[in-house]
C-alpha cells in the first residue's frame, strides 16, 4: 500500500471503466498486455482509485512513465484520445516452432495452422509465420448471446466492436464478456507448449443458431439442426483436419463445419 494506506487492489468496476475509456489497450500505442497506471496523481500520492486518473499503459510505456520520460500531461492527452480510438491494434504473440496445437473442448488438432471454422468463417484459428522471424497470426470472430459480434481478429489485428461490453487479455487468458458475469469466450495461450485452448464458448449467431462448449466437445444447434462434435484428435500438415460437410477453408488444419442452414458470415451478425 502507499503512504496513505491505499492498496494496489483496484476494484473491478474501476478497472472496467479504465479499460473502456482506454479502448482496451495502451493509450499511447494500443498494444496488449497492459498495466493500470495511476498518472494523476501518481500511485504513491493517491487517496483513492479514481478512474479518470488511471490509464492503460503497455509495459514499455509504463517503464517510460516510471523513469520520467513520459509526462503526466502526455498520458492525460493520450487517455482523452487513446490510440485504439482510431486504430486497430496489432497483438504480438510469442509462439515458436512450426506446429501449433488447438484444444477445442477435448478435440485436439495439430499442424502448422489450426482452427475451428463454420461455413468458411473462422471462429478461431492461428497460422504459422511465413519465416522464422515472423509472428503467428490469429484470426476469428466471437458473437455474444444476443448475436452481436463482440470481438474479431484478422491476422492479429484486434477489432473490438462497440457492442463488446468488456474484453481483457490478462496473463495467459483472453476473456470476452457481453455483460456482468456473462462470458462469451475464454481462450488460453500456452506458448511453452505451442498450445491454444478454447476453454469456454457461448455464442448465438444472428440467425438463431447456438454454439456452446461442452465438457467433451462443441454443440451447434438451431433451426432444424443439432450437431455435436467430440472425440476428435489428429495432426495434419495442411488443409482441413476434420470436416462435417465439404471443406470449409484450406487455410487451417481445422475442425470444420459446413452446413447451409448456418448461413454466411453476414447471417451471423445482428445488424442494429
Protein backbone atom coordinates (compact mmCIF):
# COMPACT_ATOMS: atom_id res chain seq x y z
CA UNK A 1 0.00 0.00 0.00
CA UNK A 2 1.07 3.61 -0.46
CA UNK A 3 1.75 6.19 2.24
CA UNK A 4 -1.98 6.93 2.51
CA UNK A 5 -2.83 3.26 3.11
CA UNK A 6 -4.26 2.70 -0.38
CA UNK A 7 -3.66 -0.86 -1.58
CA UNK A 8 -2.80 -1.74 -5.18
CA UNK A 9 -6.00 -3.79 -5.48
CA UNK A 10 -8.06 -1.71 -7.91
CA UNK A 11 -11.79 -2.55 -7.70
CA UNK A 12 -13.09 -4.45 -10.73
CA UNK A 13 -15.66 -1.75 -11.53
CA UNK A 14 -12.87 0.85 -11.71
CA UNK A 15 -10.72 -1.44 -13.90
CA UNK A 16 -13.65 -1.89 -16.26
CA UNK A 17 -14.19 1.86 -16.56
CA UNK A 18 -10.49 2.38 -17.27
CA UNK A 19 -10.41 -0.38 -19.91
CA UNK A 20 -13.40 1.10 -21.68
CA UNK A 21 -12.03 4.66 -21.54
CA UNK A 22 -8.63 3.46 -22.82
CA UNK A 23 -10.32 1.39 -25.57
CA UNK A 24 -8.87 -1.88 -24.33
CA UNK A 25 -5.16 -1.19 -24.91
CA UNK A 26 -2.25 1.09 -24.12
CA UNK A 27 -3.43 4.67 -24.63
CA UNK A 28 -0.11 5.54 -26.31
CA UNK A 29 0.36 2.63 -28.74
CA UNK A 30 -2.75 0.44 -28.39
CA UNK A 31 -0.81 -2.73 -27.56
CA UNK A 32 -1.66 -5.51 -25.15
CA UNK A 33 -0.92 -6.64 -22.47
CA UNK A 34 -1.24 -3.56 -20.33
CA UNK A 35 -0.88 -2.21 -16.80
CA UNK A 36 -3.16 0.11 -14.84
CA UNK A 37 -1.08 3.24 -14.37
CA UNK A 38 -2.04 5.87 -11.78
CA UNK A 39 -0.85 9.03 -13.50
CA UNK A 40 -2.88 11.80 -11.83
CA UNK A 41 -1.93 11.67 -9.05
CA UNK A 42 0.84 9.02 -9.08
CA UNK A 43 0.03 5.92 -7.07
CA UNK A 44 2.23 6.93 -4.14
CA UNK A 45 0.14 10.11 -3.71
CA UNK A 46 -3.30 8.68 -4.49
CA UNK A 47 -6.04 8.70 -1.89
CA UNK A 48 -8.35 6.52 -3.98
CA UNK A 49 -8.50 4.56 -7.23
CA UNK A 50 -10.07 7.32 -9.31
CA UNK A 51 -10.86 6.08 -12.86
CA UNK A 52 -10.08 9.36 -14.62
CA UNK A 53 -6.62 9.34 -13.04
CA UNK A 54 -5.75 5.85 -14.30
CA UNK A 55 -4.81 4.81 -17.84
CA UNK A 56 -3.81 1.59 -19.55
CA UNK A 57 -0.12 1.55 -20.49
CA UNK A 58 1.84 -1.27 -22.11
CA UNK A 59 4.96 -2.41 -20.17
CA UNK A 60 7.27 -0.27 -22.33
CA UNK A 61 5.31 2.93 -21.83
CA UNK A 62 4.77 2.12 -18.17
CA UNK A 63 8.56 1.95 -17.76
CA UNK A 64 8.91 5.27 -19.57
CA UNK A 65 6.38 6.81 -17.20
CA UNK A 66 8.21 5.39 -14.16
CA UNK A 67 11.53 6.72 -15.46
CA UNK A 68 10.04 10.16 -16.04
CA UNK A 69 10.41 10.09 -19.82
CA UNK A 70 6.62 10.13 -20.27
CA UNK A 71 4.91 13.09 -18.67
CA UNK A 72 1.61 13.21 -16.85
CA UNK A 73 0.31 15.63 -19.48
CA UNK A 74 1.27 13.24 -22.31
CA UNK A 75 -0.61 10.39 -20.63
CA UNK A 76 -3.61 12.66 -19.95
CA UNK A 77 -3.79 13.72 -23.61
CA UNK A 78 -3.46 10.11 -24.78
CA UNK A 79 -6.17 8.93 -22.39
CA UNK A 80 -8.51 11.60 -23.75
CA UNK A 81 -7.81 10.36 -27.29
CA UNK A 82 -6.48 6.79 -26.91
CA UNK A 83 -4.61 5.11 -29.74
CA UNK A 84 -7.32 2.48 -30.21
CA UNK A 85 -9.97 5.15 -30.75
CA UNK A 86 -8.98 5.45 -34.40
CA UNK A 87 -6.65 2.48 -34.98
CA UNK A 88 -6.74 -1.30 -34.84
CA UNK A 89 -4.03 -2.66 -32.53
CA UNK A 90 -1.69 -5.45 -33.55
CA UNK A 91 -1.46 -8.17 -30.95
CA UNK A 92 2.07 -9.61 -30.59
CA UNK A 93 2.44 -13.33 -29.87
CA UNK A 94 5.41 -15.33 -28.69
CA UNK A 95 4.95 -18.83 -30.08
CA UNK A 96 7.84 -20.71 -31.68
CA UNK A 97 8.28 -23.78 -33.86
CA UNK A 98 6.35 -24.85 -36.93
CA UNK A 99 3.43 -26.69 -35.35
CA UNK A 100 0.60 -25.38 -33.20
CA UNK A 101 -1.95 -27.36 -31.19
CA UNK A 102 -5.56 -26.34 -30.62
CA UNK A 103 -7.56 -27.92 -27.82
CA UNK A 104 -11.24 -27.36 -28.52
CA UNK A 105 -13.01 -28.85 -25.51
CA UNK A 106 -11.09 -32.10 -25.74
CA UNK A 107 -10.85 -32.12 -29.55
CA UNK A 108 -7.17 -31.71 -30.37
CA UNK A 109 -5.98 -30.52 -33.79
CA UNK A 110 -2.30 -30.05 -34.61
CA UNK A 111 -0.49 -28.61 -37.61
CA UNK A 112 1.33 -25.53 -38.91
CA UNK A 113 -2.05 -23.82 -38.74
CA UNK A 114 -5.01 -24.77 -36.57
CA UNK A 115 -8.57 -23.57 -36.25
CA UNK A 116 -12.32 -24.06 -35.89
CA UNK A 117 -14.39 -22.84 -38.84
CA UNK A 118 -18.06 -22.75 -39.80
CA UNK A 119 -19.12 -22.14 -43.40
CA UNK A 120 -15.73 -20.64 -44.26
CA UNK A 121 -15.87 -18.23 -41.31
CA UNK A 122 -13.12 -18.92 -38.79
CA UNK A 123 -14.44 -18.86 -35.24
CA UNK A 124 -10.86 -19.09 -34.04
CA UNK A 125 -7.63 -20.05 -35.78
CA UNK A 126 -3.90 -19.49 -35.77
CA UNK A 127 -1.49 -19.63 -38.69
CA UNK A 128 2.26 -20.26 -38.65
CA UNK A 129 4.59 -17.41 -39.68
CA UNK A 130 5.98 -17.35 -43.19
CA UNK A 131 9.56 -17.31 -41.89
CA UNK A 132 11.49 -17.95 -38.69
CA UNK A 133 11.30 -14.33 -37.59
CA UNK A 134 7.58 -13.87 -38.29
CA UNK A 135 4.63 -13.87 -35.91
CA UNK A 136 1.87 -16.42 -35.53
CA UNK A 137 -1.32 -14.85 -36.87
CA UNK A 138 -4.66 -15.11 -35.10
CA UNK A 139 -7.99 -14.91 -36.92
CA UNK A 140 -11.51 -15.36 -35.63
CA UNK A 141 -14.82 -13.92 -34.54
CA UNK A 142 -16.94 -14.15 -31.40
CA UNK A 143 -20.62 -13.27 -31.09
CA UNK A 144 -22.38 -12.61 -27.82
CA UNK A 145 -25.52 -14.46 -26.59
CA UNK A 146 -27.73 -11.98 -28.48
CA UNK A 147 -25.95 -12.50 -31.81
CA UNK A 148 -23.91 -9.29 -31.88
CA UNK A 149 -20.26 -9.54 -32.88
CA UNK A 150 -18.07 -8.61 -29.91
CA UNK A 151 -14.51 -9.34 -30.95
CA UNK A 152 -12.87 -10.08 -34.30
CA UNK A 153 -9.27 -10.91 -35.24
CA UNK A 154 -7.86 -10.54 -38.73
CA UNK A 155 -4.24 -11.74 -38.76
CA UNK A 156 -3.50 -10.35 -35.28
CA UNK A 157 -5.36 -7.10 -35.81
CA UNK A 158 -7.88 -6.97 -32.98
CA UNK A 159 -11.19 -5.30 -33.76
CA UNK A 160 -13.34 -4.70 -30.68
CA UNK A 161 -16.82 -3.73 -31.78
CA UNK A 162 -18.94 -1.16 -29.99
CA UNK A 163 -21.21 -3.97 -28.85
CA UNK A 164 -18.43 -5.55 -26.79
CA UNK A 165 -19.08 -5.00 -23.13
CA UNK A 166 -15.63 -5.97 -21.95
CA UNK A 167 -12.56 -7.68 -23.43
CA UNK A 168 -9.44 -8.47 -21.42
CA UNK A 169 -6.13 -10.19 -22.01
CA UNK A 170 -4.57 -10.80 -18.62
CA UNK A 171 -1.82 -13.33 -18.04
CA UNK A 172 -2.42 -16.19 -20.50
CA UNK A 173 -6.20 -15.77 -20.73
CA UNK A 174 -8.29 -13.82 -23.22
CA UNK A 175 -11.79 -13.25 -21.84
CA UNK A 176 -14.68 -11.77 -23.81
CA UNK A 177 -17.75 -10.69 -21.83
CA UNK A 178 -21.04 -9.28 -23.09
CA UNK A 179 -22.25 -8.14 -19.66
CA UNK A 180 -21.56 -8.50 -15.94
CA UNK A 181 -20.54 -12.14 -15.32
CA UNK A 182 -21.65 -13.11 -18.86
CA UNK A 183 -18.65 -14.77 -20.53
CA UNK A 184 -18.86 -15.25 -24.30
CA UNK A 185 -15.46 -16.89 -24.72
CA UNK A 186 -12.24 -17.69 -22.93
CA UNK A 187 -9.07 -18.61 -24.82
CA UNK A 188 -5.90 -19.68 -23.04
CA UNK A 189 -2.49 -19.14 -24.66
CA UNK A 190 0.29 -21.53 -23.64
CA UNK A 191 3.37 -20.70 -25.76
CA UNK A 192 5.58 -23.03 -23.73
CA UNK A 193 3.61 -25.94 -25.25
CA UNK A 194 2.61 -24.20 -28.51
CA UNK A 195 -0.94 -24.77 -27.35
CA UNK A 196 -4.13 -22.72 -27.57
CA UNK A 197 -7.10 -23.92 -25.54
CA UNK A 198 -10.62 -22.65 -26.13
CA UNK A 199 -11.86 -23.10 -22.58
CA UNK A 200 -15.29 -21.51 -22.88
CA UNK A 201 -17.62 -20.65 -25.76
CA UNK A 202 -21.20 -19.40 -25.55
CA UNK A 203 -22.27 -17.79 -28.81
CA UNK A 204 -25.56 -17.14 -30.53
CA UNK A 205 -25.47 -16.41 -34.24
CA UNK A 206 -27.81 -13.76 -35.60
CA UNK A 207 -29.77 -16.46 -37.46
CA UNK A 208 -30.77 -18.22 -34.25
CA UNK A 209 -28.13 -20.93 -34.01
CA UNK A 210 -26.22 -21.51 -30.79
CA UNK A 211 -22.59 -22.64 -30.41
CA UNK A 212 -21.62 -23.91 -26.98
CA UNK A 213 -18.67 -25.70 -25.48
CA UNK A 214 -19.48 -28.86 -23.54
CA UNK A 215 -17.32 -30.98 -21.21
CA UNK A 216 -16.40 -33.21 -24.18
CA UNK A 217 -16.83 -31.10 -27.31
CA UNK A 218 -18.81 -28.50 -29.24
CA UNK A 219 -22.60 -28.38 -29.65
CA UNK A 220 -24.22 -26.48 -32.53
CA UNK A 221 -27.98 -26.32 -32.59
CA UNK A 222 -30.73 -24.19 -34.01
CA UNK A 223 -33.47 -24.35 -36.66
CA UNK A 224 -33.58 -27.98 -37.87
CA UNK A 225 -30.00 -28.63 -36.77
CA UNK A 226 -28.46 -30.38 -33.78
CA UNK A 227 -24.78 -31.26 -34.14
CA UNK A 228 -22.28 -32.45 -31.51
CA UNK A 229 -18.55 -32.63 -32.27
CA UNK A 230 -16.46 -34.67 -29.85
CA UNK A 231 -13.72 -37.30 -29.60
CA UNK A 232 -11.59 -35.85 -32.41
CA UNK A 233 -7.81 -35.61 -32.46
CA UNK A 234 -5.11 -35.67 -35.11
CA UNK A 235 -2.19 -33.98 -36.79
CA UNK A 236 -2.31 -32.69 -40.37
CA UNK A 237 0.37 -30.93 -42.34
CA UNK A 238 -2.06 -28.78 -44.30
CA UNK A 239 -5.66 -28.44 -45.37
CA UNK A 240 -8.65 -29.49 -43.31
CA UNK A 241 -8.22 -31.94 -40.47
CA UNK A 242 -11.85 -32.89 -39.82
CA UNK A 243 -14.93 -31.76 -41.67
CA UNK A 244 -18.66 -32.01 -41.36
CA UNK A 245 -19.77 -31.43 -44.94
CA UNK A 246 -17.47 -30.04 -47.67
CA UNK A 247 -14.16 -28.50 -46.63
CA UNK A 248 -14.77 -25.04 -45.26
CA UNK A 249 -11.32 -23.49 -45.62
CA UNK A 250 -7.93 -24.58 -46.87
CA UNK A 251 -6.04 -22.17 -44.62
CA UNK A 252 -6.10 -24.26 -41.48
CA UNK A 253 -5.62 -27.78 -40.17
CA UNK A 254 -9.09 -27.25 -38.96
CA UNK A 255 -12.12 -28.72 -37.34
CA UNK A 256 -14.60 -27.56 -39.94
CA UNK A 257 -18.39 -27.42 -40.24
CA UNK A 258 -20.20 -26.58 -43.47
CA UNK A 259 -23.98 -26.60 -43.45
CA UNK A 260 -26.21 -24.23 -45.47
CA UNK A 261 -28.59 -23.89 -42.52
CA UNK A 262 -25.87 -21.99 -40.65
CA UNK A 263 -25.75 -19.29 -43.35
CA UNK A 264 -22.94 -16.93 -44.26
CA UNK A 265 -20.97 -14.60 -42.05
CA UNK A 266 -23.42 -11.79 -42.81
CA UNK A 267 -26.18 -14.00 -41.44
CA UNK A 268 -24.28 -14.48 -38.19
CA UNK A 269 -24.34 -10.88 -37.07
CA UNK A 270 -27.34 -8.95 -35.80
CA UNK A 271 -27.45 -5.66 -37.67
CA UNK A 272 -28.97 -2.96 -35.48
